[in-house]
């Protein structure tokens, strides 16, 4: 199995950027499809972005498309989420997660992910 640790969260102003990192250990992260999810105050966990094992395919939630970019560096067992033009609606705890499922329609489904990081807080102030 793989262990995941997120970092890079913080408190920023609306319009700012942040880059979140997710570092894998244990089994190599390249063996998994990886997704980023977030849970805002009083909200359910929601899908943000996902990336295939090789990194050649990506998927985004409508709310972040064009502002966020997911990428991965398999030799270094790392997955990133570049977040630009942040707004208050992006305030949440962000988690990365790994799944053995095939990249595709299940990529946005939290229940398909067996391995989760502890999360990193992102707070956007107006």
N, C-alpha and C. Protein backbone atom coordinates (compact mmCIF):
# COMPACT_ATOMS: atom_id res chain seq x y z
N UNK A 1 0.83 -1.18 0.00
CA UNK A 1 0.00 0.00 0.00
C UNK A 1 0.88 1.24 0.00
N UNK A 2 0.28 2.38 -0.27
CA UNK A 2 1.01 3.63 -0.35
C UNK A 2 0.55 4.55 0.77
N UNK A 3 1.48 5.30 1.33
CA UNK A 3 1.16 6.33 2.31
C UNK A 3 1.31 7.69 1.63
N UNK A 4 0.41 8.59 1.92
CA UNK A 4 0.37 9.90 1.27
C UNK A 4 0.44 11.01 2.30
N UNK A 5 1.25 12.03 2.01
CA UNK A 5 1.37 13.18 2.91
C UNK A 5 1.27 14.45 2.08
N UNK A 6 0.30 15.30 2.41
CA UNK A 6 0.12 16.56 1.71
C UNK A 6 0.87 17.70 2.41
N UNK A 7 1.22 18.71 1.64
CA UNK A 7 1.80 19.92 2.19
C UNK A 7 1.53 21.07 1.23
N UNK A 8 1.81 22.27 1.70
CA UNK A 8 1.69 23.43 0.83
C UNK A 8 0.49 24.31 1.08
N UNK A 9 -0.38 23.90 1.98
CA UNK A 9 -1.54 24.72 2.28
C UNK A 9 -1.15 25.98 3.03
N UNK A 10 -2.12 26.87 3.20
CA UNK A 10 -1.86 28.10 3.93
C UNK A 10 -3.01 29.07 3.80
N UNK A 11 -2.78 30.27 4.28
CA UNK A 11 -3.78 31.34 4.20
C UNK A 11 -3.31 32.36 3.17
N UNK A 12 -4.17 32.61 2.20
CA UNK A 12 -3.83 33.53 1.12
C UNK A 12 -5.00 34.48 0.87
N UNK A 13 -4.75 35.47 0.03
CA UNK A 13 -5.78 36.42 -0.37
C UNK A 13 -6.43 35.95 -1.67
N UNK A 14 -7.65 36.38 -1.88
CA UNK A 14 -8.33 36.06 -3.13
C UNK A 14 -7.49 36.54 -4.31
N UNK A 15 -7.37 35.69 -5.32
CA UNK A 15 -6.57 36.00 -6.49
C UNK A 15 -5.16 35.45 -6.43
N UNK A 16 -4.74 35.02 -5.25
CA UNK A 16 -3.40 34.46 -5.09
C UNK A 16 -3.33 33.02 -5.61
N UNK A 17 -2.12 32.47 -5.56
CA UNK A 17 -1.87 31.10 -6.00
C UNK A 17 -1.22 30.30 -4.88
N UNK A 18 -1.42 29.00 -4.93
CA UNK A 18 -0.76 28.05 -4.05
C UNK A 18 -0.46 26.79 -4.83
N UNK A 19 0.59 26.09 -4.43
CA UNK A 19 0.86 24.77 -5.00
C UNK A 19 0.89 23.76 -3.87
N UNK A 20 0.00 22.80 -3.96
CA UNK A 20 -0.04 21.71 -2.99
C UNK A 20 0.80 20.54 -3.51
N UNK A 21 1.44 19.87 -2.57
CA UNK A 21 2.23 18.68 -2.90
C UNK A 21 1.68 17.47 -2.16
N UNK A 22 1.81 16.34 -2.79
CA UNK A 22 1.40 15.06 -2.19
C UNK A 22 2.56 14.10 -2.42
N UNK A 23 3.21 13.69 -1.35
CA UNK A 23 4.35 12.80 -1.46
C UNK A 23 3.96 11.40 -1.03
N UNK A 24 4.28 10.42 -1.86
CA UNK A 24 3.96 9.05 -1.55
C UNK A 24 5.16 8.30 -1.01
N UNK A 25 4.89 7.34 -0.15
CA UNK A 25 5.93 6.45 0.36
C UNK A 25 5.34 5.05 0.46
N UNK A 26 6.22 4.09 0.67
CA UNK A 26 5.75 2.72 0.63
C UNK A 26 5.74 2.26 -0.81
N UNK A 27 4.67 1.70 -1.25
CA UNK A 27 4.56 1.30 -2.64
C UNK A 27 4.60 2.54 -3.53
N UNK A 28 5.25 2.45 -4.68
CA UNK A 28 5.42 3.59 -5.55
C UNK A 28 4.06 4.16 -6.00
N UNK A 29 3.97 5.47 -5.94
CA UNK A 29 2.71 6.12 -6.27
C UNK A 29 2.36 5.99 -7.75
N UNK A 30 3.35 5.67 -8.59
CA UNK A 30 3.07 5.56 -10.02
C UNK A 30 2.14 4.39 -10.34
N UNK A 31 1.94 3.52 -9.37
CA UNK A 31 1.03 2.40 -9.56
C UNK A 31 -0.42 2.75 -9.33
N UNK A 32 -0.70 4.01 -9.03
CA UNK A 32 -2.05 4.43 -8.66
C UNK A 32 -2.51 5.62 -9.48
N UNK A 33 -3.78 5.66 -9.74
CA UNK A 33 -4.45 6.90 -10.14
C UNK A 33 -4.57 7.74 -8.86
N UNK A 34 -4.29 9.03 -8.99
CA UNK A 34 -4.33 9.90 -7.81
C UNK A 34 -5.33 11.03 -8.04
N UNK A 35 -6.05 11.34 -6.99
CA UNK A 35 -7.01 12.44 -7.04
C UNK A 35 -6.79 13.40 -5.90
N UNK A 36 -7.20 14.62 -6.13
CA UNK A 36 -7.28 15.63 -5.07
C UNK A 36 -8.76 15.85 -4.76
N UNK A 37 -9.06 15.87 -3.49
CA UNK A 37 -10.41 16.14 -3.01
C UNK A 37 -10.34 17.25 -1.98
N UNK A 38 -11.47 17.88 -1.71
CA UNK A 38 -11.49 18.92 -0.69
C UNK A 38 -12.80 18.87 0.08
N UNK A 39 -12.73 19.36 1.32
CA UNK A 39 -13.93 19.44 2.14
C UNK A 39 -13.94 20.79 2.84
N UNK A 40 -14.88 21.63 2.42
CA UNK A 40 -15.01 22.95 3.02
C UNK A 40 -15.87 22.90 4.27
N UNK A 41 -15.90 24.00 5.02
CA UNK A 41 -16.69 24.06 6.26
C UNK A 41 -18.17 23.79 5.98
N UNK A 42 -18.71 22.79 6.64
CA UNK A 42 -20.12 22.46 6.49
C UNK A 42 -20.48 21.83 5.16
N UNK A 43 -19.47 21.41 4.41
CA UNK A 43 -19.74 20.83 3.09
C UNK A 43 -19.28 19.38 3.03
N UNK A 44 -19.80 18.66 2.06
CA UNK A 44 -19.35 17.30 1.84
C UNK A 44 -18.03 17.30 1.07
N UNK A 45 -17.31 16.21 1.18
CA UNK A 45 -16.07 16.07 0.43
C UNK A 45 -16.39 16.07 -1.06
N UNK A 46 -15.61 16.82 -1.83
CA UNK A 46 -15.86 16.91 -3.27
C UNK A 46 -14.57 16.70 -4.05
N UNK A 47 -14.74 16.16 -5.24
CA UNK A 47 -13.63 15.92 -6.16
C UNK A 47 -13.12 17.25 -6.70
N UNK A 48 -11.81 17.36 -6.82
CA UNK A 48 -11.18 18.54 -7.40
C UNK A 48 -10.50 18.21 -8.73
N UNK A 49 -9.59 17.22 -8.70
CA UNK A 49 -8.84 16.88 -9.91
C UNK A 49 -8.30 15.47 -9.77
N UNK A 50 -8.05 14.82 -10.91
CA UNK A 50 -7.47 13.49 -10.90
C UNK A 50 -6.47 13.35 -12.04
N UNK A 51 -5.55 12.41 -11.89
CA UNK A 51 -4.51 12.21 -12.89
C UNK A 51 -4.24 10.73 -13.04
N UNK A 52 -4.01 10.31 -14.28
CA UNK A 52 -3.75 8.91 -14.58
C UNK A 52 -2.36 8.51 -14.07
N UNK A 53 -2.09 7.21 -14.13
CA UNK A 53 -0.82 6.70 -13.61
C UNK A 53 0.39 7.32 -14.33
N UNK A 54 0.29 7.46 -15.61
CA UNK A 54 1.43 8.00 -16.36
C UNK A 54 1.42 9.52 -16.40
N UNK A 55 0.30 10.12 -16.04
CA UNK A 55 0.17 11.57 -16.07
C UNK A 55 -0.31 12.12 -17.39
N UNK A 56 -0.69 11.24 -18.32
CA UNK A 56 -1.08 11.73 -19.65
C UNK A 56 -2.55 12.13 -19.72
N UNK A 57 -3.32 11.79 -18.70
CA UNK A 57 -4.73 12.17 -18.69
C UNK A 57 -5.08 12.81 -17.35
N UNK A 58 -5.89 13.85 -17.44
CA UNK A 58 -6.32 14.56 -16.25
C UNK A 58 -7.83 14.82 -16.31
N UNK A 59 -8.38 15.08 -15.15
CA UNK A 59 -9.81 15.33 -15.03
C UNK A 59 -9.99 16.40 -13.96
N UNK A 60 -10.91 17.35 -14.21
CA UNK A 60 -11.11 18.45 -13.27
C UNK A 60 -12.59 18.66 -12.97
N UNK A 61 -12.85 19.11 -11.76
CA UNK A 61 -14.19 19.58 -11.44
C UNK A 61 -14.45 20.87 -12.21
N UNK A 62 -15.69 21.09 -12.55
CA UNK A 62 -16.06 22.29 -13.32
C UNK A 62 -15.64 23.55 -12.57
N UNK A 63 -15.75 23.52 -11.26
CA UNK A 63 -15.49 24.72 -10.45
C UNK A 63 -14.03 25.15 -10.46
N UNK A 64 -13.12 24.25 -10.84
CA UNK A 64 -11.69 24.59 -10.79
C UNK A 64 -11.04 24.54 -12.17
N UNK A 65 -11.75 24.07 -13.16
CA UNK A 65 -11.17 23.92 -14.49
C UNK A 65 -10.72 25.28 -15.01
N UNK A 66 -9.50 25.32 -15.52
CA UNK A 66 -8.94 26.57 -16.01
C UNK A 66 -8.16 27.33 -14.96
N UNK A 67 -8.35 26.99 -13.69
CA UNK A 67 -7.62 27.65 -12.61
C UNK A 67 -6.62 26.71 -11.93
N UNK A 68 -6.97 25.42 -11.82
CA UNK A 68 -6.12 24.44 -11.14
C UNK A 68 -5.49 23.52 -12.17
N UNK A 69 -4.27 23.05 -11.86
CA UNK A 69 -3.58 22.09 -12.71
C UNK A 69 -2.99 20.99 -11.85
N UNK A 70 -3.33 19.76 -12.17
CA UNK A 70 -2.75 18.61 -11.48
C UNK A 70 -1.62 18.04 -12.32
N UNK A 71 -0.56 17.62 -11.67
CA UNK A 71 0.58 17.03 -12.37
C UNK A 71 1.24 16.03 -11.44
N UNK A 72 2.13 15.22 -12.00
CA UNK A 72 2.82 14.24 -11.18
C UNK A 72 4.26 14.06 -11.64
N UNK A 73 5.10 13.69 -10.70
CA UNK A 73 6.52 13.42 -10.94
C UNK A 73 6.76 12.02 -10.40
N UNK A 74 6.57 11.04 -11.25
CA UNK A 74 6.64 9.65 -10.77
C UNK A 74 7.99 9.25 -10.21
N UNK A 75 9.11 9.65 -10.83
CA UNK A 75 10.41 9.26 -10.25
C UNK A 75 10.57 9.73 -8.81
N UNK A 76 9.92 10.84 -8.46
CA UNK A 76 10.02 11.38 -7.11
C UNK A 76 8.79 11.11 -6.28
N UNK A 77 7.89 10.27 -6.80
CA UNK A 77 6.71 9.84 -6.05
C UNK A 77 5.88 11.02 -5.57
N UNK A 78 5.72 12.02 -6.43
CA UNK A 78 5.03 13.24 -6.03
C UNK A 78 3.91 13.60 -6.99
N UNK A 79 2.86 14.17 -6.43
CA UNK A 79 1.73 14.67 -7.21
C UNK A 79 1.48 16.09 -6.73
N UNK A 80 1.19 16.98 -7.66
CA UNK A 80 1.03 18.39 -7.33
C UNK A 80 -0.33 18.92 -7.76
N UNK A 81 -0.76 19.96 -7.09
CA UNK A 81 -1.96 20.69 -7.49
C UNK A 81 -1.62 22.17 -7.47
N UNK A 82 -1.46 22.74 -8.66
CA UNK A 82 -1.23 24.17 -8.79
C UNK A 82 -2.58 24.87 -8.81
N UNK A 83 -2.77 25.80 -7.89
CA UNK A 83 -4.06 26.48 -7.77
C UNK A 83 -3.85 27.97 -7.99
N UNK A 84 -4.46 28.50 -9.02
CA UNK A 84 -4.34 29.91 -9.37
C UNK A 84 -5.69 30.62 -9.20
N UNK A 85 -5.61 31.93 -9.05
CA UNK A 85 -6.81 32.75 -8.95
C UNK A 85 -7.79 32.20 -7.91
N UNK A 86 -7.27 31.97 -6.73
CA UNK A 86 -8.08 31.38 -5.66
C UNK A 86 -9.17 32.34 -5.22
N UNK A 87 -10.29 31.77 -4.80
CA UNK A 87 -11.37 32.56 -4.24
C UNK A 87 -11.87 31.91 -2.95
N UNK A 88 -12.77 32.57 -2.27
CA UNK A 88 -13.21 32.10 -0.95
C UNK A 88 -13.87 30.73 -1.01
N UNK A 89 -14.46 30.41 -2.14
CA UNK A 89 -15.09 29.10 -2.29
C UNK A 89 -14.08 27.96 -2.31
N UNK A 90 -12.82 28.29 -2.50
CA UNK A 90 -11.77 27.26 -2.51
C UNK A 90 -11.28 26.94 -1.09
N UNK A 91 -11.76 27.65 -0.10
CA UNK A 91 -11.36 27.38 1.28
C UNK A 91 -11.82 25.99 1.69
N UNK A 92 -10.88 25.15 2.10
CA UNK A 92 -11.19 23.76 2.43
C UNK A 92 -9.94 23.06 2.92
N UNK A 93 -10.15 21.86 3.45
CA UNK A 93 -9.03 20.94 3.68
C UNK A 93 -8.89 20.11 2.41
N UNK A 94 -7.69 20.10 1.88
CA UNK A 94 -7.42 19.38 0.63
C UNK A 94 -6.70 18.08 0.94
N UNK A 95 -7.22 17.01 0.36
CA UNK A 95 -6.64 15.68 0.53
C UNK A 95 -6.23 15.11 -0.81
N UNK A 96 -5.09 14.42 -0.85
CA UNK A 96 -4.81 13.60 -2.01
C UNK A 96 -5.15 12.15 -1.64
N UNK A 97 -5.49 11.39 -2.67
CA UNK A 97 -5.92 10.02 -2.46
C UNK A 97 -5.47 9.17 -3.64
N UNK A 98 -5.30 7.88 -3.40
CA UNK A 98 -4.82 6.97 -4.44
C UNK A 98 -5.79 5.80 -4.59
N UNK A 99 -5.94 5.39 -5.85
CA UNK A 99 -6.83 4.29 -6.16
C UNK A 99 -6.20 3.36 -7.18
N UNK A 100 -6.53 2.08 -7.10
CA UNK A 100 -6.07 1.13 -8.11
C UNK A 100 -7.06 1.04 -9.27
N UNK A 101 -8.16 1.76 -9.18
CA UNK A 101 -9.15 1.76 -10.25
C UNK A 101 -8.56 2.38 -11.51
N UNK A 102 -9.11 1.99 -12.65
CA UNK A 102 -8.71 2.54 -13.93
C UNK A 102 -9.13 4.01 -14.02
N UNK A 103 -8.29 4.84 -14.60
CA UNK A 103 -8.65 6.24 -14.79
C UNK A 103 -9.85 6.33 -15.71
N UNK A 104 -10.83 7.10 -15.28
CA UNK A 104 -12.02 7.23 -16.11
C UNK A 104 -13.19 7.74 -15.31
N UNK A 105 -14.34 7.15 -15.49
CA UNK A 105 -15.56 7.67 -14.87
C UNK A 105 -15.55 7.57 -13.35
N UNK A 106 -14.77 6.65 -12.79
CA UNK A 106 -14.71 6.49 -11.34
C UNK A 106 -13.71 7.43 -10.67
N UNK A 107 -12.96 8.17 -11.46
CA UNK A 107 -11.88 8.98 -10.91
C UNK A 107 -12.39 10.05 -9.96
N UNK A 108 -13.61 10.51 -10.17
CA UNK A 108 -14.15 11.56 -9.32
C UNK A 108 -14.95 11.03 -8.12
N UNK A 109 -14.96 9.73 -7.91
CA UNK A 109 -15.76 9.10 -6.86
C UNK A 109 -14.90 8.80 -5.64
N UNK A 110 -15.12 9.48 -4.51
CA UNK A 110 -14.26 9.27 -3.34
C UNK A 110 -14.23 7.82 -2.85
N UNK A 111 -15.34 7.12 -2.95
CA UNK A 111 -15.38 5.76 -2.41
C UNK A 111 -14.49 4.79 -3.18
N UNK A 112 -14.01 5.19 -4.35
CA UNK A 112 -13.12 4.32 -5.13
C UNK A 112 -11.66 4.41 -4.66
N UNK A 113 -11.39 5.35 -3.75
CA UNK A 113 -10.02 5.57 -3.29
C UNK A 113 -9.79 4.90 -1.95
N UNK A 114 -8.76 4.06 -1.89
CA UNK A 114 -8.49 3.31 -0.67
C UNK A 114 -7.48 3.99 0.25
N UNK A 115 -6.67 4.86 -0.31
CA UNK A 115 -5.58 5.45 0.45
C UNK A 115 -5.71 6.98 0.43
N UNK A 116 -5.64 7.57 1.63
CA UNK A 116 -5.85 9.01 1.78
C UNK A 116 -4.76 9.62 2.64
N UNK A 117 -4.39 10.85 2.30
CA UNK A 117 -3.52 11.63 3.16
C UNK A 117 -4.34 12.32 4.23
N UNK A 118 -3.63 12.98 5.15
CA UNK A 118 -4.29 13.59 6.31
C UNK A 118 -4.90 14.94 5.98
N UNK A 119 -4.47 15.53 4.88
CA UNK A 119 -5.04 16.80 4.43
C UNK A 119 -4.19 18.00 4.78
N UNK A 120 -4.38 19.07 4.01
CA UNK A 120 -3.71 20.33 4.27
C UNK A 120 -4.75 21.45 4.10
N UNK A 121 -4.73 22.40 5.02
CA UNK A 121 -5.75 23.45 5.04
C UNK A 121 -5.40 24.57 4.08
N UNK A 122 -6.37 24.97 3.28
CA UNK A 122 -6.24 26.14 2.42
C UNK A 122 -7.34 27.12 2.82
N UNK A 123 -6.94 28.33 3.16
CA UNK A 123 -7.90 29.37 3.55
C UNK A 123 -7.68 30.58 2.66
N UNK A 124 -8.75 31.00 1.99
CA UNK A 124 -8.67 32.14 1.08
C UNK A 124 -9.51 33.27 1.65
N UNK A 125 -8.87 34.39 1.88
CA UNK A 125 -9.54 35.56 2.45
C UNK A 125 -9.87 36.56 1.36
N UNK A 126 -11.01 37.22 1.52
CA UNK A 126 -11.40 38.24 0.53
C UNK A 126 -10.92 39.60 0.98
